[in-house]
């Protein structure tokens, strides 16, 4: 990536966060490729059940680290079982469908994996405690996750050899890991916060491996207390955030990131079906991206940088939306990107 254009996507791009409603990967891939031609993503379909959920999908990537589903969630197991078999099958099918429809595609393509800290916060040890509570356990998990992501990137490249990969690492649990807000197995206490230096070290290693593989590391965290400075220092080249949660408290951190060449994937339309009044407002692309234009005005950057650095997205994954709203959301973010290009300032 050149200094003149450090972003892995074309100017005026739009994209989705990851998940999609329904159970048909063929329809999902065709829809995403059609609606998001500049920065499509590999859709995830958690509606298919165990193994298609965010944690299960990434659990299927882990190397020599079997897990299984228990009533409380995913848990470390002695040997791989049917839950991992399902996860492998879902992902293999998704990659085959991607190859069928996008083998000749040349351009930016986004894929998503759950991050190491969200995995450590979600997967349980055999005693029912979260892995994040045991430093040795989450070190082993992070090492397995690293190798799994490396192998996954190689598999995606086989399917779409002309793609420039953007790897979105989903870390919704990261703020809770840092703040010591995760409940213990009993539910009566809270797990101790993980040291920020250790958190940053694990992420920096992962992002380094992604870059060594020729891809671009990004992070999605749609919490109001997302650790933006930590993610930038760790080497993330793009931050995926819910624009509605950003206010003046975040301006300095976002400004520093943009000055460092970090791109912003900003959620500007709801991820679930909105009430009628909000649905009507969603049909106006200028209204959808007004929050982005206000942010950019506060930061004081020029309009040319806006159309290159910022990618409109839904606020989060669309698995909980109706198919109609999911398609409308992709059209809304695509139209919003054009507004940012043609009318960066409020008319």
Protein backbone atom coordinates (compact mmCIF):
# COMPACT_ATOMS: atom_id res chain seq x y z
CA UNK A 1 0.00 0.00 0.00
CA UNK A 2 1.37 3.36 -0.98
CA UNK A 3 1.52 6.36 1.29
CA UNK A 4 -0.72 8.20 -1.16
CA UNK A 5 -3.52 5.65 -0.75
CA UNK A 6 -2.99 3.49 2.35
CA UNK A 7 -6.45 1.94 2.27
CA UNK A 8 -7.18 -1.52 0.83
CA UNK A 9 -10.49 -0.47 -0.73
CA UNK A 10 -11.38 1.91 -3.60
CA UNK A 11 -12.62 5.40 -2.79
CA UNK A 12 -16.36 5.68 -2.07
CA UNK A 13 -16.66 2.01 -1.02
CA UNK A 14 -19.29 0.47 1.24
CA UNK A 15 -19.50 -2.94 2.88
CA UNK A 16 -21.31 -5.10 5.40
CA UNK A 17 -20.15 -6.17 8.84
CA UNK A 18 -20.46 -9.92 8.34
CA UNK A 19 -23.57 -11.87 9.30
CA UNK A 20 -26.63 -12.27 7.07
CA UNK A 21 -30.16 -13.60 7.64
CA UNK A 22 -31.29 -16.97 6.38
CA UNK A 23 -29.59 -20.26 5.64
CA UNK A 24 -28.74 -20.15 1.92
CA UNK A 25 -25.06 -19.28 1.31
CA UNK A 26 -25.55 -19.15 -2.46
CA UNK A 27 -28.19 -16.43 -2.22
CA UNK A 28 -26.21 -14.56 0.44
CA UNK A 29 -22.99 -14.46 -1.59
CA UNK A 30 -24.80 -13.42 -4.77
CA UNK A 31 -26.59 -10.63 -2.92
CA UNK A 32 -23.45 -9.28 -1.26
CA UNK A 33 -21.43 -9.38 -4.47
CA UNK A 34 -24.21 -7.58 -6.31
CA UNK A 35 -24.91 -4.91 -3.71
CA UNK A 36 -21.32 -4.24 -2.59
CA UNK A 37 -19.21 -4.46 -5.75
CA UNK A 38 -16.26 -2.42 -4.40
CA UNK A 39 -15.80 -4.17 -1.05
CA UNK A 40 -17.85 -7.37 -0.78
CA UNK A 41 -17.51 -9.64 2.22
CA UNK A 42 -17.92 -13.34 2.85
CA UNK A 43 -21.34 -13.52 4.56
CA UNK A 44 -21.86 -15.52 7.73
CA UNK A 45 -25.18 -17.32 8.29
CA UNK A 46 -25.62 -18.06 12.01
CA UNK A 47 -29.25 -18.94 11.36
CA UNK A 48 -28.04 -22.37 10.29
CA UNK A 49 -27.33 -23.21 13.92
CA UNK A 50 -24.43 -24.60 15.93
CA UNK A 51 -21.15 -24.17 14.10
CA UNK A 52 -22.37 -21.27 12.00
CA UNK A 53 -22.37 -18.84 14.93
CA UNK A 54 -19.47 -16.40 15.27
CA UNK A 55 -17.64 -18.37 17.97
CA UNK A 56 -18.34 -21.76 16.42
CA UNK A 57 -17.23 -20.63 12.98
CA UNK A 58 -13.86 -19.52 14.34
CA UNK A 59 -13.64 -22.57 16.62
CA UNK A 60 -13.63 -24.58 13.42
CA UNK A 61 -10.40 -22.81 12.42
CA UNK A 62 -8.50 -23.68 15.60
CA UNK A 63 -5.55 -26.02 15.09
CA UNK A 64 -5.31 -29.03 17.43
CA UNK A 65 -7.68 -27.35 19.87
CA UNK A 66 -10.99 -29.27 19.90
CA UNK A 67 -14.10 -27.77 21.43
CA UNK A 68 -17.72 -28.82 21.71
CA UNK A 69 -21.06 -27.33 22.64
CA UNK A 70 -22.40 -27.66 26.17
CA UNK A 71 -25.63 -26.15 27.55
CA UNK A 72 -23.64 -23.07 28.63
CA UNK A 73 -21.83 -22.64 25.31
CA UNK A 74 -18.61 -23.76 23.63
CA UNK A 75 -16.20 -25.71 25.84
CA UNK A 76 -12.79 -27.33 25.49
CA UNK A 77 -13.07 -31.02 24.56
CA UNK A 78 -10.75 -34.04 24.43
CA UNK A 79 -11.35 -34.82 20.76
CA UNK A 80 -13.15 -33.21 17.81
CA UNK A 81 -16.83 -34.13 17.61
CA UNK A 82 -19.95 -33.43 15.61
CA UNK A 83 -20.08 -29.75 16.58
CA UNK A 84 -16.70 -29.07 14.97
CA UNK A 85 -17.67 -31.28 12.05
CA UNK A 86 -20.68 -29.05 11.45
CA UNK A 87 -18.56 -25.89 11.74
CA UNK A 88 -16.04 -27.26 9.21
CA UNK A 89 -18.86 -28.22 6.86
CA UNK A 90 -20.53 -24.82 6.99
CA UNK A 91 -17.31 -22.93 6.31
CA UNK A 92 -16.22 -25.30 3.55
CA UNK A 93 -19.59 -24.85 1.85
CA UNK A 94 -19.34 -21.07 2.17
CA UNK A 95 -15.88 -21.01 0.62
CA UNK A 96 -17.01 -23.25 -2.24
CA UNK A 97 -19.91 -20.90 -2.96
CA UNK A 98 -17.57 -17.92 -2.81
CA UNK A 99 -15.28 -19.59 -5.35
CA UNK A 100 -18.22 -20.38 -7.61
CA UNK A 101 -19.37 -16.76 -7.78
CA UNK A 102 -16.12 -14.82 -7.25
CA UNK A 103 -13.24 -16.95 -8.50
CA UNK A 104 -12.37 -14.36 -11.17
CA UNK A 105 -12.99 -11.39 -8.87
CA UNK A 106 -10.12 -8.93 -8.57
CA UNK A 107 -10.37 -6.31 -5.87
CA UNK A 108 -10.86 -5.83 -2.17
CA UNK A 109 -12.63 -8.66 -0.32
CA UNK A 110 -13.40 -8.74 3.40
CA UNK A 111 -13.52 -11.87 5.52
CA UNK A 112 -14.30 -12.07 9.24
CA UNK A 113 -12.99 -14.12 12.17
CA UNK A 114 -13.75 -13.87 15.87
CA UNK A 115 -10.74 -12.39 17.67
CA UNK A 116 -8.59 -14.22 20.22
CA UNK A 117 -9.93 -12.28 23.18
CA UNK A 118 -13.56 -12.76 22.24
CA UNK A 119 -12.82 -16.46 21.80
CA UNK A 120 -11.10 -16.59 25.22
CA UNK A 121 -14.10 -14.81 26.74
CA UNK A 122 -16.58 -17.18 25.09
CA UNK A 123 -15.02 -20.65 25.23
CA UNK A 124 -15.05 -22.46 28.57
CA UNK A 125 -12.49 -24.65 30.22
CA UNK A 126 -13.60 -28.11 31.35
CA UNK A 127 -14.49 -26.70 34.78
CA UNK A 128 -16.91 -24.22 33.21
CA UNK A 129 -14.74 -21.14 33.76
CA UNK A 130 -13.99 -18.92 30.79
CA UNK A 131 -10.60 -19.46 29.19
CA UNK A 132 -9.71 -15.82 29.69
CA UNK A 133 -9.39 -16.58 33.43
CA UNK A 134 -6.38 -18.87 32.86
CA UNK A 135 -3.24 -17.24 31.36
CA UNK A 136 -1.84 -20.56 30.20
CA UNK A 137 -5.12 -21.53 28.57
CA UNK A 138 -5.57 -18.30 26.66
CA UNK A 139 -1.95 -18.41 25.50
CA UNK A 140 -2.58 -21.86 24.01
CA UNK A 141 -5.84 -20.66 22.47
CA UNK A 142 -4.15 -17.59 20.93
CA UNK A 143 -1.41 -19.77 19.38
CA UNK A 144 -3.98 -22.16 17.90
CA UNK A 145 -6.09 -19.24 16.67
CA UNK A 146 -3.05 -17.71 14.99
CA UNK A 147 -2.30 -20.87 13.01
CA UNK A 148 -5.96 -21.29 12.12
CA UNK A 149 -6.25 -17.77 10.73
CA UNK A 150 -3.07 -18.28 8.71
CA UNK A 151 -4.47 -21.46 7.15
CA UNK A 152 -7.86 -19.81 6.53
CA UNK A 153 -6.25 -16.98 4.59
CA UNK A 154 -4.49 -19.52 2.40
CA UNK A 155 -7.81 -21.30 1.74
CA UNK A 156 -9.57 -18.07 0.78
CA UNK A 157 -6.72 -17.17 -1.59
CA UNK A 158 -7.12 -20.53 -3.33
CA UNK A 159 -10.79 -19.75 -3.93
CA UNK A 160 -10.35 -16.08 -4.98
CA UNK A 161 -6.73 -15.65 -6.07
CA UNK A 162 -7.20 -12.10 -7.37
CA UNK A 163 -8.64 -10.72 -4.14
CA UNK A 164 -6.91 -8.20 -1.87
CA UNK A 165 -7.99 -9.51 1.52
CA UNK A 166 -9.18 -7.36 4.40
CA UNK A 167 -9.39 -9.49 7.54
CA UNK A 168 -11.91 -8.19 10.04
CA UNK A 169 -11.17 -9.49 13.54
CA UNK A 170 -14.41 -9.37 15.53
CA UNK A 171 -13.76 -8.41 19.16
CA UNK A 172 -17.13 -7.58 20.77
CA UNK A 173 -15.94 -8.94 24.15
CA UNK A 174 -12.67 -7.01 24.24
CA UNK A 175 -13.92 -4.10 26.39
CA UNK A 176 -15.26 -6.55 29.00
CA UNK A 177 -11.92 -8.40 29.00
CA UNK A 178 -10.06 -5.15 29.66
CA UNK A 179 -12.50 -3.86 32.28
CA UNK A 180 -12.90 -7.08 34.26
CA UNK A 181 -16.61 -7.15 33.47
CA UNK A 182 -17.00 -10.82 32.48
CA UNK A 183 -18.96 -12.91 34.97
CA UNK A 184 -17.41 -15.95 36.64
CA UNK A 185 -18.82 -19.43 36.06
CA UNK A 186 -21.09 -19.05 39.11
CA UNK A 187 -22.38 -15.71 37.90
CA UNK A 188 -21.79 -14.14 41.32
CA UNK A 189 -18.43 -12.55 40.63
CA UNK A 190 -16.38 -10.96 37.89
CA UNK A 191 -13.20 -12.23 36.30
CA UNK A 192 -10.05 -10.20 36.81
CA UNK A 193 -9.20 -7.80 33.97
CA UNK A 194 -6.46 -8.94 31.61
CA UNK A 195 -3.42 -6.68 31.51
CA UNK A 196 -3.60 -4.26 28.59
CA UNK A 197 0.00 -4.96 27.62
CA UNK A 198 -0.80 -8.65 27.26
CA UNK A 199 -3.94 -7.89 25.25
CA UNK A 200 -2.02 -5.63 22.92
CA UNK A 201 0.78 -8.16 22.51
CA UNK A 202 -1.59 -10.93 21.40
CA UNK A 203 -3.36 -8.67 18.92
CA UNK A 204 -0.11 -7.26 17.54
CA UNK A 205 1.15 -10.77 16.87
CA UNK A 206 -2.09 -11.71 15.08
CA UNK A 207 -2.15 -8.54 12.98
CA UNK A 208 1.49 -9.09 12.07
CA UNK A 209 0.72 -12.59 10.79
CA UNK A 210 -2.19 -11.23 8.75
CA UNK A 211 0.07 -8.63 7.14
CA UNK A 212 2.80 -11.22 6.50
CA UNK A 213 0.17 -13.19 4.57
CA UNK A 214 -0.40 -10.17 2.33
CA UNK A 215 -3.73 -9.17 3.89
CA UNK A 216 -4.86 -6.08 5.81
CA UNK A 217 -5.90 -6.42 9.49
CA UNK A 218 -9.05 -4.68 10.70
CA UNK A 219 -11.00 -4.86 13.97
CA UNK A 220 -14.73 -4.68 14.54
CA UNK A 221 -15.92 -3.61 17.98
CA UNK A 222 -19.28 -1.87 18.17
CA UNK A 223 -19.12 -1.06 21.90
CA UNK A 224 -19.09 2.54 23.10
CA UNK A 225 -15.92 1.83 25.11
CA UNK A 226 -13.95 0.18 22.29
CA UNK A 227 -10.22 0.65 23.08
CA UNK A 228 -9.37 2.62 19.94
CA UNK A 229 -5.84 3.63 20.90
CA UNK A 230 -4.93 0.08 21.91
CA UNK A 231 -6.24 -1.30 18.62
CA UNK A 232 -4.32 1.29 16.61
CA UNK A 233 -1.10 0.59 18.51
CA UNK A 234 -1.61 -3.13 17.97
CA UNK A 235 -1.42 -2.63 14.22
CA UNK A 236 -5.03 -2.57 13.04
CA UNK A 237 -5.19 -0.82 9.67
CA UNK A 238 -8.95 -0.28 9.86
CA UNK A 239 -11.45 0.13 12.69
CA UNK A 240 -15.06 -0.98 12.28
CA UNK A 241 -17.27 0.99 14.69
CA UNK A 242 -20.89 2.01 15.24
CA UNK A 243 -20.92 5.69 14.27
CA UNK A 244 -23.93 6.38 16.52
CA UNK A 245 -21.80 5.57 19.59
CA UNK A 246 -19.01 7.99 18.71
CA UNK A 247 -18.99 11.42 20.29
CA UNK A 248 -16.49 14.13 21.14
CA UNK A 249 -14.78 11.88 23.70
CA UNK A 250 -13.55 9.76 20.80
CA UNK A 251 -12.39 12.58 18.53
CA UNK A 252 -8.75 12.64 19.58
CA UNK A 253 -8.38 8.86 19.31
CA UNK A 254 -10.10 8.74 15.93
CA UNK A 255 -8.13 11.71 14.65
CA UNK A 256 -4.85 10.10 15.70
CA UNK A 257 -5.86 6.89 13.94
CA UNK A 258 -6.80 8.67 10.71
CA UNK A 259 -3.53 10.61 10.74
CA UNK A 260 -1.74 7.25 11.02
CA UNK A 261 -3.49 5.98 7.88
CA UNK A 262 -6.05 3.83 9.69
CA UNK A 263 -9.33 3.50 7.79
CA UNK A 264 -12.78 3.67 9.35
CA UNK A 265 -15.68 1.34 8.64
CA UNK A 266 -18.55 3.24 10.24
CA UNK A 267 -21.98 1.81 10.95
CA UNK A 268 -24.62 4.26 9.79
CA UNK A 269 -27.84 2.24 9.36
CA UNK A 270 -29.57 -0.07 11.86
CA UNK A 271 -28.67 -3.76 11.86
CA UNK A 272 -32.25 -4.86 12.65
CA UNK A 273 -35.57 -3.80 11.23
CA UNK A 274 -36.25 -0.27 12.49
CA UNK A 275 -39.64 1.19 13.41
CA UNK A 276 -41.57 2.79 10.50
CA UNK A 277 -40.42 6.36 11.15
CA UNK A 278 -36.76 5.36 11.16
CA UNK A 279 -37.29 3.15 8.11
CA UNK A 280 -38.55 6.20 6.22
CA UNK A 281 -35.48 8.21 7.25
CA UNK A 282 -33.26 5.36 6.11
CA UNK A 283 -34.41 5.93 2.55
CA UNK A 284 -32.56 9.27 2.55
CA UNK A 285 -28.84 8.50 2.07
CA UNK A 286 -27.77 11.98 3.17
CA UNK A 287 -29.53 11.49 6.51
CA UNK A 288 -27.84 8.14 7.02
CA UNK A 289 -24.32 9.57 6.69
CA UNK A 290 -24.93 12.86 8.49
CA UNK A 291 -23.28 11.43 11.60
CA UNK A 292 -20.14 10.77 9.54
CA UNK A 293 -20.11 14.26 8.06
CA UNK A 294 -20.47 15.77 11.54
CA UNK A 295 -17.58 13.64 12.84
CA UNK A 296 -15.38 14.64 9.90
CA UNK A 297 -16.20 18.29 10.43
CA UNK A 298 -15.14 18.05 14.08
CA UNK A 299 -11.89 16.29 13.14
CA UNK A 300 -11.03 18.94 10.55
CA UNK A 301 -9.82 16.62 7.79
CA UNK A 302 -10.43 17.45 4.14
CA UNK A 303 -13.22 15.99 1.98
CA UNK A 304 -10.82 14.09 -0.29
CA UNK A 305 -9.61 12.04 2.65
CA UNK A 306 -13.18 11.37 3.78
CA UNK A 307 -14.16 9.51 0.63
CA UNK A 308 -10.99 7.39 0.79
CA UNK A 309 -10.71 6.73 4.52
CA UNK A 310 -14.35 6.09 5.48
CA UNK A 311 -16.48 3.11 4.42
CA UNK A 312 -20.19 3.18 5.43
CA UNK A 313 -21.57 -0.07 6.85
CA UNK A 314 -24.60 -1.26 8.82
CA UNK A 315 -24.22 -0.74 12.57
CA UNK A 316 -23.54 -4.46 13.10
CA UNK A 317 -24.14 -7.82 11.48
CA UNK A 318 -27.51 -8.32 9.80
CA UNK A 319 -28.36 -11.84 11.00
CA UNK A 320 -31.20 -10.49 13.14
CA UNK A 321 -32.78 -8.50 10.31
CA UNK A 322 -35.45 -9.53 7.85
CA UNK A 323 -34.14 -10.30 4.34
CA UNK A 324 -35.90 -7.17 3.12
CA UNK A 325 -34.19 -4.93 5.64
CA UNK A 326 -30.82 -6.60 5.06
CA UNK A 327 -30.98 -5.80 1.35
CA UNK A 328 -32.23 -2.27 2.09
CA UNK A 329 -29.33 -1.76 4.52
CA UNK A 330 -26.75 -2.65 1.87
CA UNK A 331 -28.38 -0.30 -0.62
CA UNK A 332 -28.44 2.43 2.03
CA UNK A 333 -24.72 2.16 2.79
CA UNK A 334 -23.86 2.05 -0.91
CA UNK A 335 -25.92 5.20 -1.52
CA UNK A 336 -24.38 6.77 1.59
CA UNK A 337 -20.87 6.25 0.21
CA UNK A 338 -21.87 8.16 -2.92
CA UNK A 339 -23.17 11.03 -0.80
CA UNK A 340 -19.88 11.23 1.07
CA UNK A 341 -18.09 11.37 -2.28
CA UNK A 342 -20.36 13.94 -3.92
CA UNK A 343 -21.52 15.98 -0.91
CA UNK A 344 -18.93 15.61 1.89
CA UNK A 345 -20.33 18.72 3.59
CA UNK A 346 -23.94 19.29 4.54
CA UNK A 347 -25.70 21.28 1.80
